[in-house]
Amino acid sequence: MCFASLWICYNKFMDNRGLVKMVLLIVVALIVLGFLGYNLRDIIASPTVSDNLNYVWGLVVKLWDNILARPAMWVWNNVIVDLLWNNMQKIFRNDLPEIPGIQ
């Protein structure tokens, strides 16, 4: 009976996706790494890891600059600003045109 209830709780925990689950998993992973004797500060400060992180960051920046920036800026300017922001300003100013049948 006890094992079945634990299994049900585990399945409910795994079915719920979200920020809290991610934070709990990260905290548990950090506790386990600390228990096993790994020091993340020393690992991140090592020259090899630092070089790898800088290399990956450089790739991310190149990806953004060369591929993703143009479409993202188009979406920002044409969708977010034009459709949402400008219409929200009209709503707050009460400047929307009358729609027949809606009061």
Protein backbone atom coordinates (compact mmCIF):
# COMPACT_ATOMS: atom_id res chain seq x y z
CA MET A 1 0.00 0.00 0.00
CA CYS A 2 2.77 2.43 0.90
CA PHE A 3 4.73 1.66 -2.29
CA ALA A 4 1.61 2.17 -4.42
CA SER A 5 0.91 5.58 -2.91
CA LEU A 6 4.55 6.62 -3.43
CA TRP A 7 4.34 5.45 -7.04
CA ILE A 8 1.16 7.48 -7.60
CA CYS A 9 2.77 10.58 -6.07
CA TYR A 10 5.87 10.08 -8.22
CA ASN A 11 3.77 9.76 -11.39
CA LYS A 12 1.79 12.89 -10.52
CA PHE A 13 5.05 14.75 -9.90
CA MET A 14 6.45 13.63 -13.26
CA ASP A 15 3.22 14.50 -15.12
CA ASN A 16 3.23 18.10 -13.92
CA ARG A 17 5.63 20.08 -16.04
CA GLY A 18 6.75 23.45 -14.88
CA LEU A 19 9.16 25.76 -13.23
CA VAL A 20 8.82 24.34 -9.72
CA LYS A 21 9.70 20.84 -10.91
CA MET A 22 12.73 22.14 -12.76
CA VAL A 23 13.94 24.09 -9.72
CA LEU A 24 13.49 21.04 -7.47
CA LEU A 25 15.41 18.81 -9.88
CA ILE A 26 18.26 21.32 -10.10
CA VAL A 27 18.43 21.65 -6.31
CA VAL A 28 18.47 17.87 -5.87
CA ALA A 29 21.16 17.52 -8.54
CA LEU A 30 23.30 20.18 -6.82
CA ILE A 31 22.88 18.43 -3.47
CA VAL A 32 23.90 15.09 -4.99
CA LEU A 33 26.94 16.65 -6.70
CA GLY A 34 27.97 18.29 -3.42
CA PHE A 35 27.49 15.01 -1.57
CA LEU A 36 29.72 13.24 -4.10
CA GLY A 37 32.45 15.83 -3.56
CA TYR A 38 32.15 17.91 -6.74
CA ASN A 39 32.69 21.64 -6.36
CA LEU A 40 30.92 23.50 -9.15
CA ARG A 41 32.90 26.70 -8.55
CA ASP A 42 36.17 24.83 -9.20
CA ILE A 43 34.71 23.09 -12.25
CA ILE A 44 33.44 26.32 -13.82
CA ALA A 45 36.69 28.16 -12.99
CA SER A 46 38.87 25.54 -14.69
CA PRO A 47 40.45 26.79 -17.92
CA THR A 48 39.02 23.99 -20.08
CA VAL A 49 35.43 24.50 -18.97
CA SER A 50 35.76 28.27 -19.18
CA ASP A 51 37.14 27.97 -22.72
CA ASN A 52 34.29 25.63 -23.72
CA LEU A 53 31.67 27.98 -22.28
CA ASN A 54 33.20 30.95 -24.12
CA TYR A 55 33.23 28.96 -27.36
CA VAL A 56 29.56 27.97 -27.00
CA TRP A 57 28.62 31.57 -26.12
CA GLY A 58 30.41 32.74 -29.26
CA LEU A 59 28.38 30.24 -31.31
CA VAL A 60 25.14 31.47 -29.72
CA VAL A 61 26.03 35.09 -30.52
CA LYS A 62 26.89 34.19 -34.14
CA LEU A 63 23.62 32.23 -34.46
CA TRP A 64 21.66 35.21 -33.15
CA ASP A 65 23.48 37.80 -35.27
CA ASN A 66 23.48 35.85 -38.54
CA ILE A 67 20.22 33.87 -38.45
CA LEU A 68 17.79 34.70 -35.67
CA ALA A 69 18.03 38.48 -35.24
CA ARG A 70 16.22 39.45 -38.45
CA PRO A 71 13.15 37.22 -37.99
CA ALA A 72 12.96 38.03 -34.28
CA MET A 73 13.09 41.77 -34.95
CA TRP A 74 10.42 41.40 -37.68
CA VAL A 75 8.14 39.56 -35.25
CA TRP A 76 8.84 42.16 -32.57
CA ASN A 77 8.17 45.16 -34.82
CA ASN A 78 5.28 43.79 -36.90
CA VAL A 79 3.47 41.57 -34.43
CA ILE A 80 4.23 42.70 -30.92
CA VAL A 81 4.49 46.45 -31.48
CA ASP A 82 2.06 46.94 -34.37
CA LEU A 83 -0.71 44.57 -33.39
CA LEU A 84 -0.52 44.33 -29.64
CA TRP A 85 1.08 47.52 -28.37
CA ASN A 86 -0.62 49.97 -30.71
CA ASN A 87 -4.03 48.35 -30.21
CA MET A 88 -3.57 48.34 -26.44
CA GLN A 89 -2.82 52.06 -26.57
CA LYS A 90 -6.02 52.61 -28.58
CA ILE A 91 -8.00 50.61 -26.03
CA PHE A 92 -6.66 52.68 -23.13
CA ARG A 93 -7.36 55.93 -25.00
CA ASN A 94 -10.87 54.68 -25.93
CA ASP A 95 -9.93 55.37 -29.54
CA LEU A 96 -11.26 52.13 -31.11
CA PRO A 97 -13.82 52.34 -33.91
CA GLU A 98 -17.39 51.29 -33.17
CA ILE A 99 -18.20 47.71 -34.06
CA PRO A 100 -21.85 47.16 -35.04
CA GLY A 101 -23.73 44.83 -32.69
CA ILE A 102 -21.24 45.19 -29.81
CA GLN A 103 -21.93 47.61 -27.00
